[in-house]
Amino acid sequence: MAGHDSLNLEDLLEEFTLVRKANIALFRPMDEAAWQRTGTVNQNAISVRGLAYIMVGHAQHHAGVLKERYAAVLTS
């Protein structure tokens, strides 16, 4: 456990926003050649573009978790 379950909603949303902005800043300046570069993750080849898609999906997953756990707070 990373201890995030002890954070309040405001802190969770702030951290989520900061990480999302950092990820966007990482990918924004990349040219087409950079997007096509590949590397190895868990003994599998993956492109930078593939990593970006995974990161977007991961962010969507966490947004869903926040919505599920804090729906009453987010809608009030």
PDB file of N, CA and C in Angstrom:
ATOM      1  N   MET A   1       0.837  -1.192   0.000  1.00  0.00           N
ATOM      2  CA  MET A   1       0.000   0.000   0.000  1.00  0.00           C
ATOM      3  C   MET A   1       0.877   1.248   0.000  1.00  0.00           C
ATOM      4  N   ALA A   2       0.483   2.189  -0.792  1.00  0.00           N
ATOM      5  CA  ALA A   2       1.225   3.440  -0.883  1.00  0.00           C
ATOM      6  C   ALA A   2       0.714   4.477   0.118  1.00  0.00           C
ATOM      7  N   GLY A   3      -0.380   4.174   0.805  1.00  0.00           N
ATOM      8  CA  GLY A   3      -0.913   5.094   1.790  1.00  0.00           C
ATOM      9  C   GLY A   3      -1.897   6.106   1.239  1.00  0.00           C
ATOM     10  N   HIS A   4      -2.241   5.982  -0.048  1.00  0.00           N
ATOM     11  CA  HIS A   4      -3.157   6.951  -0.648  1.00  0.00           C
ATOM     12  C   HIS A   4      -4.572   6.831  -0.094  1.00  0.00           C
ATOM     13  N   ASP A   5      -4.899   5.691   0.495  1.00  0.00           N
ATOM     14  CA  ASP A   5      -6.235   5.526   1.058  1.00  0.00           C
ATOM     15  C   ASP A   5      -6.467   6.425   2.268  1.00  0.00           C
ATOM     16  N   SER A   6      -5.400   7.001   2.805  1.00  0.00           N
ATOM     17  CA  SER A   6      -5.549   7.900   3.955  1.00  0.00           C
ATOM     18  C   SER A   6      -5.646   9.370   3.541  1.00  0.00           C
ATOM     19  N   LEU A   7      -5.520   9.657   2.241  1.00  0.00           N
ATOM     20  CA  LEU A   7      -5.605  11.041   1.763  1.00  0.00           C
ATOM     21  C   LEU A   7      -7.065  11.465   1.592  1.00  0.00           C
ATOM     22  N   ASN A   8      -7.300  12.749   1.780  1.00  0.00           N
ATOM     23  CA  ASN A   8      -8.659  13.239   1.554  1.00  0.00           C
ATOM     24  C   ASN A   8      -8.870  13.479   0.056  1.00  0.00           C
ATOM     25  N   LEU A   9     -10.119  13.693  -0.326  1.00  0.00           N
ATOM     26  CA  LEU A   9     -10.473  13.837  -1.740  1.00  0.00           C
ATOM     27  C   LEU A   9      -9.723  14.993  -2.398  1.00  0.00           C
ATOM     28  N   GLU A  10      -9.635  16.115  -1.724  1.00  0.00           N
ATOM     29  CA  GLU A  10      -8.943  17.279  -2.300  1.00  0.00           C
ATOM     30  C   GLU A  10      -7.489  16.952  -2.635  1.00  0.00           C
ATOM     31  N   ASP A  11      -6.800  16.258  -1.729  1.00  0.00           N
ATOM     32  CA  ASP A  11      -5.406  15.884  -1.976  1.00  0.00           C
ATOM     33  C   ASP A  11      -5.279  14.874  -3.110  1.00  0.00           C
ATOM     34  N   LEU A  12      -6.208  13.917  -3.161  1.00  0.00           N
ATOM     35  CA  LEU A  12      -6.192  12.932  -4.248  1.00  0.00           C
ATOM     36  C   LEU A  12      -6.388  13.604  -5.602  1.00  0.00           C
ATOM     37  N   LEU A  13      -7.335  14.526  -5.676  1.00  0.00           N
ATOM     38  CA  LEU A  13      -7.593  15.222  -6.936  1.00  0.00           C
ATOM     39  C   LEU A  13      -6.416  16.102  -7.340  1.00  0.00           C
ATOM     40  N   GLU A  14      -5.790  16.748  -6.365  1.00  0.00           N
ATOM     41  CA  GLU A  14      -4.618  17.576  -6.674  1.00  0.00           C
ATOM     42  C   GLU A  14      -3.478  16.719  -7.224  1.00  0.00           C
ATOM     43  N   GLU A  15      -3.217  15.588  -6.585  1.00  0.00           N
ATOM     44  CA  GLU A  15      -2.152  14.702  -7.052  1.00  0.00           C
ATOM     45  C   GLU A  15      -2.469  14.156  -8.438  1.00  0.00           C
ATOM     46  N   PHE A  16      -3.697  13.744  -8.648  1.00  0.00           N
ATOM     47  CA  PHE A  16      -4.124  13.225  -9.949  1.00  0.00           C
ATOM     48  C   PHE A  16      -3.910  14.274 -11.029  1.00  0.00           C
ATOM     49  N   THR A  17      -4.304  15.506 -10.746  1.00  0.00           N
ATOM     50  CA  THR A  17      -4.154  16.606 -11.707  1.00  0.00           C
ATOM     51  C   THR A  17      -2.687  16.882 -12.012  1.00  0.00           C
ATOM     52  N   LEU A  18      -1.853  16.905 -10.994  1.00  0.00           N
ATOM     53  CA  LEU A  18      -0.424  17.169 -11.196  1.00  0.00           C
ATOM     54  C   LEU A  18       0.239  16.073 -12.030  1.00  0.00           C
ATOM     55  N   VAL A  19      -0.077  14.825 -11.734  1.00  0.00           N
ATOM     56  CA  VAL A  19       0.511  13.714 -12.496  1.00  0.00           C
ATOM     57  C   VAL A  19       0.041  13.767 -13.943  1.00  0.00           C
ATOM     58  N   ARG A  20      -1.239  14.052 -14.145  1.00  0.00           N
ATOM     59  CA  ARG A  20      -1.776  14.153 -15.515  1.00  0.00           C
ATOM     60  C   ARG A  20      -1.083  15.265 -16.293  1.00  0.00           C
ATOM     61  N   LYS A  21      -0.906  16.423 -15.667  1.00  0.00           N
ATOM     62  CA  LYS A  21      -0.225  17.537 -16.328  1.00  0.00           C
ATOM     63  C   LYS A  21       1.227  17.186 -16.641  1.00  0.00           C
ATOM     64  N   ALA A  22       1.889  16.475 -15.734  1.00  0.00           N
ATOM     65  CA  ALA A  22       3.272  16.056 -15.980  1.00  0.00           C
ATOM     66  C   ALA A  22       3.349  15.098 -17.159  1.00  0.00           C
ATOM     67  N   ASN A  23       2.407  14.170 -17.249  1.00  0.00           N
ATOM     68  CA  ASN A  23       2.386  13.229 -18.377  1.00  0.00           C
ATOM     69  C   ASN A  23       2.170  13.961 -19.696  1.00  0.00           C
ATOM     70  N   ILE A  24       1.254  14.924 -19.710  1.00  0.00           N
ATOM     71  CA  ILE A  24       1.011  15.707 -20.928  1.00  0.00           C
ATOM     72  C   ILE A  24       2.266  16.485 -21.307  1.00  0.00           C
ATOM     73  N   ALA A  25       2.929  17.081 -20.323  1.00  0.00           N
ATOM     74  CA  ALA A  25       4.157  17.839 -20.584  1.00  0.00           C
ATOM     75  C   ALA A  25       5.257  16.937 -21.141  1.00  0.00           C
ATOM     76  N   LEU A  26       5.293  15.693 -20.704  1.00  0.00           N
ATOM     77  CA  LEU A  26       6.294  14.745 -21.192  1.00  0.00           C
ATOM     78  C   LEU A  26       6.096  14.445 -22.675  1.00  0.00           C
ATOM     79  N   PHE A  27       4.858  14.224 -23.089  1.00  0.00           N
ATOM     80  CA  PHE A  27       4.579  13.795 -24.457  1.00  0.00           C
ATOM     81  C   PHE A  27       4.391  14.937 -25.445  1.00  0.00           C
ATOM     82  N   ARG A  28       3.978  16.099 -24.989  1.00  0.00           N
ATOM     83  CA  ARG A  28       3.624  17.205 -25.889  1.00  0.00           C
ATOM     84  C   ARG A  28       4.725  17.550 -26.908  1.00  0.00           C
ATOM     85  N   PRO A  29       5.988  17.674 -26.517  1.00  0.00           N
ATOM     86  CA  PRO A  29       6.986  18.124 -27.492  1.00  0.00           C
ATOM     87  C   PRO A  29       7.504  17.036 -28.442  1.00  0.00           C
ATOM     88  N   MET A  30       7.031  15.813 -28.314  1.00  0.00           N
ATOM     89  CA  MET A  30       7.579  14.719 -29.114  1.00  0.00           C
ATOM     90  C   MET A  30       7.162  14.827 -30.578  1.00  0.00           C
ATOM     91  N   ASP A  31       8.126  14.568 -31.457  1.00  0.00           N
ATOM     92  CA  ASP A  31       7.828  14.524 -32.884  1.00  0.00           C
ATOM     93  C   ASP A  31       7.445  13.091 -33.275  1.00  0.00           C
ATOM     94  N   GLU A  32       7.096  12.899 -34.538  1.00  0.00           N
ATOM     95  CA  GLU A  32       6.621  11.587 -34.984  1.00  0.00           C
ATOM     96  C   GLU A  32       7.671  10.495 -34.771  1.00  0.00           C
ATOM     97  N   ALA A  33       8.926  10.812 -34.989  1.00  0.00           N
ATOM     98  CA  ALA A  33       9.977   9.809 -34.790  1.00  0.00           C
ATOM     99  C   ALA A  33      10.032   9.351 -33.337  1.00  0.00           C
ATOM    100  N   ALA A  34       9.866  10.273 -32.412  1.00  0.00           N
ATOM    101  CA  ALA A  34       9.886   9.922 -30.983  1.00  0.00           C
ATOM    102  C   ALA A  34       8.713   8.995 -30.637  1.00  0.00           C
ATOM    103  N   TRP A  35       7.533   9.274 -31.209  1.00  0.00           N
ATOM    104  CA  TRP A  35       6.357   8.457 -30.928  1.00  0.00           C
ATOM    105  C   TRP A  35       6.541   7.012 -31.402  1.00  0.00           C
ATOM    106  N   GLN A  36       7.364   6.816 -32.422  1.00  0.00           N
ATOM    107  CA  GLN A  36       7.543   5.487 -32.997  1.00  0.00           C
ATOM    108  C   GLN A  36       8.678   4.695 -32.354  1.00  0.00           C
ATOM    109  N   ARG A  37       9.483   5.338 -31.527  1.00  0.00           N
ATOM    110  CA  ARG A  37      10.573   4.612 -30.871  1.00  0.00           C
ATOM    111  C   ARG A  37      10.006   3.499 -30.010  1.00  0.00           C
ATOM    112  N   THR A  38      10.786   2.424 -29.894  1.00  0.00           N
ATOM    113  CA  THR A  38      10.338   1.283 -29.103  1.00  0.00           C
ATOM    114  C   THR A  38      11.366   0.933 -28.039  1.00  0.00           C
ATOM    115  N   GLY A  39      10.883   0.250 -27.057  1.00  0.00           N
ATOM    116  CA  GLY A  39      11.720  -0.259 -25.981  1.00  0.00           C
ATOM    117  C   GLY A  39      11.108  -1.547 -25.473  1.00  0.00           C
ATOM    118  N   THR A  40      11.599  -2.019 -24.363  1.00  0.00           N
ATOM    119  CA  THR A  40      11.127  -3.275 -23.802  1.00  0.00           C
ATOM    120  C   THR A  40      10.564  -3.040 -22.408  1.00  0.00           C
ATOM    121  N   VAL A  41       9.372  -3.552 -22.194  1.00  0.00           N
ATOM    122  CA  VAL A  41       8.721  -3.503 -20.891  1.00  0.00           C
ATOM    123  C   VAL A  41       8.253  -4.908 -20.556  1.00  0.00           C
ATOM    124  N   ASN A  42       8.700  -5.429 -19.434  1.00  0.00           N
ATOM    125  CA  ASN A  42       8.339  -6.801 -19.043  1.00  0.00           C
ATOM    126  C   ASN A  42       8.594  -7.794 -20.169  1.00  0.00           C
ATOM    127  N   GLN A  43       9.736  -7.639 -20.806  1.00  0.00           N
ATOM    128  CA  GLN A  43      10.187  -8.514 -21.892  1.00  0.00           C
ATOM    129  C   GLN A  43       9.292  -8.451 -23.134  1.00  0.00           C
ATOM    130  N   ASN A  44       8.561  -7.343 -23.297  1.00  0.00           N
ATOM    131  CA  ASN A  44       7.715  -7.133 -24.473  1.00  0.00           C
ATOM    132  C   ASN A  44       8.079  -5.808 -25.116  1.00  0.00           C
ATOM    133  N   ALA A  45       8.136  -5.795 -26.447  1.00  0.00           N
ATOM    134  CA  ALA A  45       8.413  -4.551 -27.165  1.00  0.00           C
ATOM    135  C   ALA A  45       7.188  -3.656 -27.092  1.00  0.00           C
ATOM    136  N   ILE A  46       7.427  -2.359 -26.929  1.00  0.00           N
ATOM    137  CA  ILE A  46       6.341  -1.387 -26.893  1.00  0.00           C
ATOM    138  C   ILE A  46       6.855  -0.062 -27.411  1.00  0.00           C
ATOM    139  N   SER A  47       5.985   0.661 -28.098  1.00  0.00           N
ATOM    140  CA  SER A  47       6.368   1.972 -28.616  1.00  0.00           C
ATOM    141  C   SER A  47       6.031   3.052 -27.596  1.00  0.00           C
ATOM    142  N   VAL A  48       6.595   4.223 -27.812  1.00  0.00           N
ATOM    143  CA  VAL A  48       6.251   5.372 -26.983  1.00  0.00           C
ATOM    144  C   VAL A  48       4.761   5.641 -27.116  1.00  0.00           C
ATOM    145  N   ARG A  49       4.234   5.552 -28.322  1.00  0.00           N
ATOM    146  CA  ARG A  49       2.791   5.754 -28.541  1.00  0.00           C
ATOM    147  C   ARG A  49       1.982   4.748 -27.719  1.00  0.00           C
ATOM    148  N   GLY A  50       2.421   3.499 -27.700  1.00  0.00           N
ATOM    149  CA  GLY A  50       1.733   2.473 -26.913  1.00  0.00           C
ATOM    150  C   GLY A  50       1.745   2.794 -25.425  1.00  0.00           C
ATOM    151  N   LEU A  51       2.882   3.276 -24.938  1.00  0.00           N
ATOM    152  CA  LEU A  51       2.959   3.671 -23.530  1.00  0.00           C
ATOM    153  C   LEU A  51       1.994   4.809 -23.222  1.00  0.00           C
ATOM    154  N   ALA A  52       1.887   5.759 -24.142  1.00  0.00           N
ATOM    155  CA  ALA A  52       0.972   6.880 -23.937  1.00  0.00           C
ATOM    156  C   ALA A  52      -0.473   6.370 -23.848  1.00  0.00           C
ATOM    157  N   TYR A  53      -0.857   5.449 -24.715  1.00  0.00           N
ATOM    158  CA  TYR A  53      -2.206   4.897 -24.665  1.00  0.00           C
ATOM    159  C   TYR A  53      -2.451   4.179 -23.336  1.00  0.00           C
ATOM    160  N   ILE A  54      -1.460   3.430 -22.879  1.00  0.00           N
ATOM    161  CA  ILE A  54      -1.591   2.739 -21.592  1.00  0.00           C
ATOM    162  C   ILE A  54      -1.765   3.758 -20.469  1.00  0.00           C
ATOM    163  N   MET A  55      -0.990   4.840 -20.513  1.00  0.00           N
ATOM    164  CA  MET A  55      -1.079   5.862 -19.469  1.00  0.00           C
ATOM    165  C   MET A  55      -2.448   6.535 -19.469  1.00  0.00           C
ATOM    166  N   VAL A  56      -2.996   6.787 -20.646  1.00  0.00           N
ATOM    167  CA  VAL A  56      -4.337   7.382 -20.734  1.00  0.00           C
ATOM    168  C   VAL A  56      -5.368   6.422 -20.135  1.00  0.00           C
ATOM    169  N   GLY A  57      -5.274   5.153 -20.488  1.00  0.00           N
ATOM    170  CA  GLY A  57      -6.196   4.164 -19.935  1.00  0.00           C
ATOM    171  C   GLY A  57      -6.072   4.051 -18.431  1.00  0.00           C
ATOM    172  N   HIS A  58      -4.856   4.128 -17.931  1.00  0.00           N
ATOM    173  CA  HIS A  58      -4.615   4.063 -16.490  1.00  0.00           C
ATOM    174  C   HIS A  58      -5.245   5.273 -15.800  1.00  0.00           C
ATOM    175  N   ALA A  59      -5.098   6.440 -16.403  1.00  0.00           N
ATOM    176  CA  ALA A  59      -5.705   7.657 -15.845  1.00  0.00           C
ATOM    177  C   ALA A  59      -7.225   7.521 -15.831  1.00  0.00           C
ATOM    178  N   GLN A  60      -7.787   6.975 -16.909  1.00  0.00           N
ATOM    179  CA  GLN A  60      -9.241   6.777 -16.959  1.00  0.00           C
ATOM    180  C   GLN A  60      -9.692   5.805 -15.875  1.00  0.00           C
ATOM    181  N   HIS A  61      -8.897   4.773 -15.656  1.00  0.00           N
ATOM    182  CA  HIS A  61      -9.208   3.813 -14.588  1.00  0.00           C
ATOM    183  C   HIS A  61      -9.268   4.524 -13.238  1.00  0.00           C
ATOM    184  N   HIS A  62      -8.244   5.340 -12.954  1.00  0.00           N
ATOM    185  CA  HIS A  62      -8.209   6.029 -11.660  1.00  0.00           C
ATOM    186  C   HIS A  62      -9.318   7.067 -11.540  1.00  0.00           C
ATOM    187  N   ALA A  63      -9.662   7.726 -12.626  1.00  0.00           N
ATOM    188  CA  ALA A  63     -10.790   8.655 -12.600  1.00  0.00           C
ATOM    189  C   ALA A  63     -12.070   7.903 -12.254  1.00  0.00           C
ATOM    190  N   GLY A  64     -12.232   6.717 -12.795  1.00  0.00           N
ATOM    191  CA  GLY A  64     -13.392   5.893 -12.476  1.00  0.00           C
ATOM    192  C   GLY A  64     -13.418   5.478 -11.013  1.00  0.00           C
ATOM    193  N   VAL A  65     -12.250   5.143 -10.475  1.00  0.00           N
ATOM    194  CA  VAL A  65     -12.169   4.778  -9.058  1.00  0.00           C
ATOM    195  C   VAL A  65     -12.576   5.968  -8.189  1.00  0.00           C
ATOM    196  N   LEU A  66     -12.064   7.150  -8.521  1.00  0.00           N
ATOM    197  CA  LEU A  66     -12.434   8.347  -7.763  1.00  0.00           C
ATOM    198  C   LEU A  66     -13.940   8.588  -7.837  1.00  0.00           C
ATOM    199  N   LYS A  67     -14.499   8.451  -9.037  1.00  0.00           N
ATOM    200  CA  LYS A  67     -15.939   8.677  -9.220  1.00  0.00           C
ATOM    201  C   LYS A  67     -16.738   7.650  -8.409  1.00  0.00           C
ATOM    202  N   GLU A  68     -16.301   6.397  -8.445  1.00  0.00           N
ATOM    203  CA  GLU A  68     -16.998   5.327  -7.727  1.00  0.00           C
ATOM    204  C   GLU A  68     -16.957   5.546  -6.218  1.00  0.00           C
ATOM    205  N   ARG A  69     -15.793   5.895  -5.710  1.00  0.00           N
ATOM    206  CA  ARG A  69     -15.621   6.014  -4.259  1.00  0.00           C
ATOM    207  C   ARG A  69     -16.114   7.340  -3.689  1.00  0.00           C
ATOM    208  N   TYR A  70     -16.117   8.377  -4.529  1.00  0.00           N
ATOM    209  CA  TYR A  70     -16.450   9.712  -4.031  1.00  0.00           C
ATOM    210  C   TYR A  70     -17.612  10.351  -4.786  1.00  0.00           C
ATOM    211  N   ALA A  71     -18.441   9.558  -5.430  1.00  0.00           N
ATOM    212  CA  ALA A  71     -19.535  10.086  -6.243  1.00  0.00           C
ATOM    213  C   ALA A  71     -20.410  11.052  -5.457  1.00  0.00           C
ATOM    214  N   ALA A  72     -20.761  10.711  -4.237  1.00  0.00           N
ATOM    215  CA  ALA A  72     -21.627  11.576  -3.439  1.00  0.00           C
ATOM    216  C   ALA A  72     -20.955  12.913  -3.151  1.00  0.00           C
ATOM    217  N   VAL A  73     -19.670  12.904  -2.916  1.00  0.00           N
ATOM    218  CA  VAL A  73     -18.937  14.134  -2.616  1.00  0.00           C
ATOM    219  C   VAL A  73     -18.763  14.964  -3.886  1.00  0.00           C
ATOM    220  N   LEU A  74     -18.484  14.305  -5.015  1.00  0.00           N
ATOM    221  CA  LEU A  74     -18.231  15.009  -6.265  1.00  0.00           C
ATOM    222  C   LEU A  74     -19.492  15.674  -6.824  1.00  0.00           C
ATOM    223  N   THR A  75     -20.660  15.131  -6.514  1.00  0.00           N
ATOM    224  CA  THR A  75     -21.891  15.694  -7.058  1.00  0.00           C
ATOM    225  C   THR A  75     -22.553  16.702  -6.112  1.00  0.00           C
ATOM    226  N   SER A  76     -22.022  16.850  -4.924  1.00  0.00           N
ATOM    227  CA  SER A  76     -22.643  17.809  -3.988  1.00  0.00           C
ATOM    228  C   SER A  76     -22.033  19.180  -4.073  1.00  0.00           C
TER     229      SER A  76
END
